[in-house]
Structures are given as structure tokens and as C-alpha cells.
C-alpha atoms as a PDB file:
ATOM      1  CA  SER A   1      -8.241  -2.736 -14.224  1.00  0.00           C
ATOM      2  CA  SER A   2     -11.081  -0.059 -15.116  1.00  0.00           C
ATOM      3  CA  LEU A   3      -8.321   2.294 -14.190  1.00  0.00           C
ATOM      4  CA  SER A   4      -6.152   1.908 -17.048  1.00  0.00           C
ATOM      5  CA  ALA A   5      -8.493   3.703 -19.026  1.00  0.00           C
ATOM      6  CA  LEU A   6      -7.577   6.811 -17.424  1.00  0.00           C
ATOM      7  CA  SER A   7      -4.780   7.069 -19.749  1.00  0.00           C
ATOM      8  CA  GLU A   8      -5.052  11.199 -20.268  1.00  0.00           C
ATOM      9  CA  LEU A   9      -4.862  11.365 -16.373  1.00  0.00           C
ATOM     10  CA  ARG A  10      -2.300  14.528 -15.708  1.00  0.00           C
ATOM     11  CA  SER A  11      -2.663  14.438 -11.957  1.00  0.00           C
ATOM     12  CA  LEU A  12      -2.840  11.427  -9.556  1.00  0.00           C
ATOM     13  CA  LYS A  13      -2.964  11.791  -5.766  1.00  0.00           C
ATOM     14  CA  LEU A  14      -3.216   8.536  -3.514  1.00  0.00           C
ATOM     15  CA  LYS A  15      -3.465   8.864   0.208  1.00  0.00           C
ATOM     16  CA  GLY A  16      -3.579   5.764   2.398  1.00  0.00           C
ATOM     17  CA  PHE A  17      -4.454   3.190  -0.109  1.00  0.00           C
ATOM     18  CA  GLU A  18      -2.208   0.693   1.242  1.00  0.00           C
ATOM     19  CA  ILE A  19      -0.849   0.003  -2.455  1.00  0.00           C
ATOM     20  CA  GLU A  20       1.319  -2.992  -2.299  1.00  0.00           C
ATOM     21  CA  ASN A  21       4.837  -3.728  -3.722  1.00  0.00           C
ATOM     22  CA  PRO A  22       5.180  -3.335  -6.540  1.00  0.00           C
ATOM     23  CA  LEU A  23       2.935  -0.749  -7.789  1.00  0.00           C
ATOM     24  CA  PRO A  24       0.112  -2.209  -9.967  1.00  0.00           C
ATOM     25  CA  ASP A  25       0.891  -2.377 -13.540  1.00  0.00           C
ATOM     26  CA  PHE A  26      -1.663  -0.082 -14.670  1.00  0.00           C
ATOM     27  CA  PHE A  27       0.328   2.814 -13.357  1.00  0.00           C
ATOM     28  CA  SER A  28       2.251   2.411 -16.430  1.00  0.00           C
ATOM     29  CA  ASP A  29      -0.578   3.318 -18.323  1.00  0.00           C
ATOM     30  CA  PHE A  30      -0.598   6.803 -16.951  1.00  0.00           C
ATOM     31  CA  THR A  31       2.153   8.305 -19.306  1.00  0.00           C
ATOM     32  CA  LYS A  32       0.842  11.732 -19.490  1.00  0.00           C
ATOM     33  CA  LEU A  33       0.982  12.263 -15.770  1.00  0.00           C
ATOM     34  CA  GLU A  34       2.295  15.746 -14.702  1.00  0.00           C
ATOM     35  CA  GLU A  35       2.338  15.106 -11.024  1.00  0.00           C
ATOM     36  CA  ILE A  36       2.070  12.019  -9.012  1.00  0.00           C
ATOM     37  CA  SER A  37       1.362  11.818  -5.252  1.00  0.00           C
ATOM     38  CA  LEU A  38       1.601   8.771  -3.228  1.00  0.00           C
ATOM     39  CA  SER A  39       1.262   8.956   0.786  1.00  0.00           C
ATOM     40  CA  GLY A  40       1.111   6.250   3.414  1.00  0.00           C
ATOM     41  CA  ASP A  41       1.312   3.167   0.842  1.00  0.00           C
ATOM     42  CA  SER A  42       3.166  -0.076   1.483  1.00  0.00           C
ATOM     43  CA  PHE A  43       5.367  -0.272  -1.579  1.00  0.00           C
ATOM     44  CA  GLU A  44       9.197  -0.152  -1.281  1.00  0.00           C
ATOM     45  CA  VAL A  45      10.313   0.795  -4.909  1.00  0.00           C
ATOM     46  CA  LEU A  46       9.092   3.250  -7.233  1.00  0.00           C
ATOM     47  CA  PRO A  47       8.967   1.700 -10.884  1.00  0.00           C
ATOM     48  CA  THR A  48      11.531   2.810 -13.380  1.00  0.00           C
ATOM     49  CA  TYR A  49       8.914   3.648 -16.180  1.00  0.00           C
ATOM     50  CA  PHE A  50       8.300   6.688 -14.252  1.00  0.00           C
ATOM     51  CA  SER A  51      11.360   8.083 -16.367  1.00  0.00           C
ATOM     52  CA  SER A  52       9.858   7.604 -19.551  1.00  0.00           C
ATOM     53  CA  PHE A  53       6.791   9.967 -18.571  1.00  0.00           C
ATOM     54  CA  ALA A  54       8.130  13.203 -20.411  1.00  0.00           C
ATOM     55  CA  SER A  55       5.338  15.320 -18.677  1.00  0.00           C
ATOM     56  CA  LEU A  56       5.806  13.929 -15.337  1.00  0.00           C
ATOM     57  CA  GLN A  57       7.308  16.915 -13.241  1.00  0.00           C
ATOM     58  CA  LYS A  58       6.346  16.486  -9.609  1.00  0.00           C
ATOM     59  CA  ILE A  59       6.709  13.346  -7.730  1.00  0.00           C
ATOM     60  CA  SER A  60       5.903  13.010  -3.950  1.00  0.00           C
ATOM     61  CA  VAL A  61       6.141   9.716  -2.021  1.00  0.00           C
ATOM     62  CA  SER A  62       5.684  10.540   1.496  1.00  0.00           C
ATOM     63  CA  ASN A  63       4.886   8.541   4.923  1.00  0.00           C
ATOM     64  CA  GLY A  64       5.528   5.278   3.394  1.00  0.00           C
ATOM     65  CA  ASN A  65       7.726   2.469   3.044  1.00  0.00           C
ATOM     66  CA  LEU A  66       9.930   3.328   0.288  1.00  0.00           C
ATOM     67  CA  ARG A  67      13.372   1.926   0.734  1.00  0.00           C
ATOM     68  CA  SER A  68      15.769   3.051  -1.959  1.00  0.00           C
ATOM     69  CA  PHE A  69      16.478   6.140  -3.726  1.00  0.00           C
ATOM     70  CA  PRO A  70      14.642   6.098  -7.274  1.00  0.00           C
ATOM     71  CA  PHE A  71      17.846   6.641  -9.181  1.00  0.00           C
ATOM     72  CA  PHE A  72      16.038   7.100 -12.376  1.00  0.00           C
ATOM     73  CA  VAL A  73      15.072  10.524 -11.199  1.00  0.00           C
ATOM     74  CA  CYS A  74      18.425  11.543 -12.103  1.00  0.00           C
ATOM     75  CA  GLU A  75      17.758  11.056 -15.612  1.00  0.00           C
ATOM     76  CA  MET A  76      14.401  13.266 -15.671  1.00  0.00           C
ATOM     77  CA  SER A  77      15.979  16.632 -16.200  1.00  0.00           C
ATOM     78  CA  TRP A  78      12.673  18.485 -16.660  1.00  0.00           C
ATOM     79  CA  LEU A  79      11.479  17.168 -12.874  1.00  0.00           C
ATOM     80  CA  THR A  80      10.585  20.404 -10.944  1.00  0.00           C
ATOM     81  CA  SER A  81       9.616  18.818  -7.545  1.00  0.00           C
ATOM     82  CA  LEU A  82      11.010  15.667  -5.783  1.00  0.00           C
ATOM     83  CA  VAL A  83       9.475  14.764  -2.283  1.00  0.00           C
ATOM     84  CA  LEU A  84      10.600  11.736  -0.703  1.00  0.00           C
ATOM     85  CA  SER A  85       9.948  12.557   3.051  1.00  0.00           C
ATOM     86  CA  ASN A  86       9.404  10.091   5.913  1.00  0.00           C
ATOM     87  CA  ASN A  87      10.318   6.882   4.188  1.00  0.00           C
ATOM     88  CA  LYS A  88      12.772   4.024   4.872  1.00  0.00           C
ATOM     89  CA  ILE A  89      15.451   5.519   2.674  1.00  0.00           C
ATOM     90  CA  ASN A  90      18.871   4.534   4.182  1.00  0.00           C
ATOM     91  CA  SER A  91      21.545   5.731   1.847  1.00  0.00           C
ATOM     92  CA  THR A  92      23.732   9.072   0.909  1.00  0.00           C
ATOM     93  CA  ILE A  93      22.231  11.564  -1.128  1.00  0.00           C
ATOM     94  CA  PRO A  94      23.252  11.073  -4.718  1.00  0.00           C
ATOM     95  CA  SER A  95      25.239  13.594  -6.421  1.00  0.00           C
ATOM     96  CA  CYS A  96      23.404  13.456  -9.460  1.00  0.00           C
ATOM     97  CA  ILE A  97      20.605  15.414  -7.715  1.00  0.00           C
ATOM     98  CA  GLY A  98      22.630  18.457  -8.403  1.00  0.00           C
ATOM     99  CA  ASP A  99      22.361  18.023 -12.228  1.00  0.00           C
ATOM    100  CA  LEU A 100      18.649  18.617 -12.187  1.00  0.00           C
ATOM    101  CA  SER A 101      18.636  22.192 -13.007  1.00  0.00           C
ATOM    102  CA  GLN A 102      14.840  22.281 -13.300  1.00  0.00           C
ATOM    103  CA  LEU A 103      14.336  21.148  -9.587  1.00  0.00           C
ATOM    104  CA  GLY A 104      12.725  23.825  -7.590  1.00  0.00           C
ATOM    105  CA  LYS A 105      11.514  21.797  -4.669  1.00  0.00           C
ATOM    106  CA  LEU A 106      13.451  18.567  -2.747  1.00  0.00           C
ATOM    107  CA  LYS A 107      12.314  17.160   0.273  1.00  0.00           C
ATOM    108  CA  LEU A 108      14.032  14.087   2.051  1.00  0.00           C
ATOM    109  CA  ASN A 109      13.626  14.692   5.661  1.00  0.00           C
ATOM    110  CA  GLY A 110      12.422  12.000   7.684  1.00  0.00           C
ATOM    111  CA  ASN A 111      14.703   9.225   6.056  1.00  0.00           C
ATOM    112  CA  GLY A 112      17.994   7.775   6.812  1.00  0.00           C
ATOM    113  CA  PHE A 113      20.141   9.822   4.379  1.00  0.00           C
ATOM    114  CA  SER A 114      23.533  11.061   4.827  1.00  0.00           C
ATOM    115  CA  GLY A 115      25.823  13.401   3.098  1.00  0.00           C
ATOM    116  CA  GLU A 116      29.199  12.887   0.681  1.00  0.00           C
END
């Protein structure tokens, strides 16, 4: 894909592109991303390789078909923003979220989350 040539990309925002499940492999080339925002897409899980993107501080996946909480974010101590609004996640909110000391924004509304 010609998009894989964008390896220096810092911010990626895609809305309504109907990206299928799983995310295309070329996303793994964007290792310098600081922010990713995906809205209105069809994929159901986020790839775990995002946890190895040391610059990725903001993840936003909203108005889509995300079905499971991306537990790999608990390994991303540098994460400052996590938005998973209006998806199809049905689970408890993982307690590991409390360990993300840099997290300043957390939006989980519009899912089937329950507390512990």
C-alpha cells in the first residue's frame, strides 16, 4: 500500500472509511504516531502492536464496532487520552486503567460497560 510510505506520520484521523476487521497491516508501519483517531469504522478489535508505539499518547475509537476493550493500553503508561465512546464493548471497566498515571482524558460512554 502507498500509505505504508508515510512512516513519519504523527497524527492519523480517519472518519467513516469503513475500515474492515482487522485493521490493514500497513497501520503497523506508523510507529511514530502520537495520535490516532478512528471513527465510524467496521473493525472489532484494535491491534496489540499499538502498545509498542512509544510516541502514541492519544487513542480515539468512536462510533464503531469495537467489541472488546483493548487491554494492551494498560501497558501504555505514557497514554494521555483514551476515547472508546459509542462502540459495542460489553464488559467491566478494567481496574488497570487506574494505573495509567498520565491519563487525563477517559471517555467510555455509549458502551455496555459495568463497574466492579
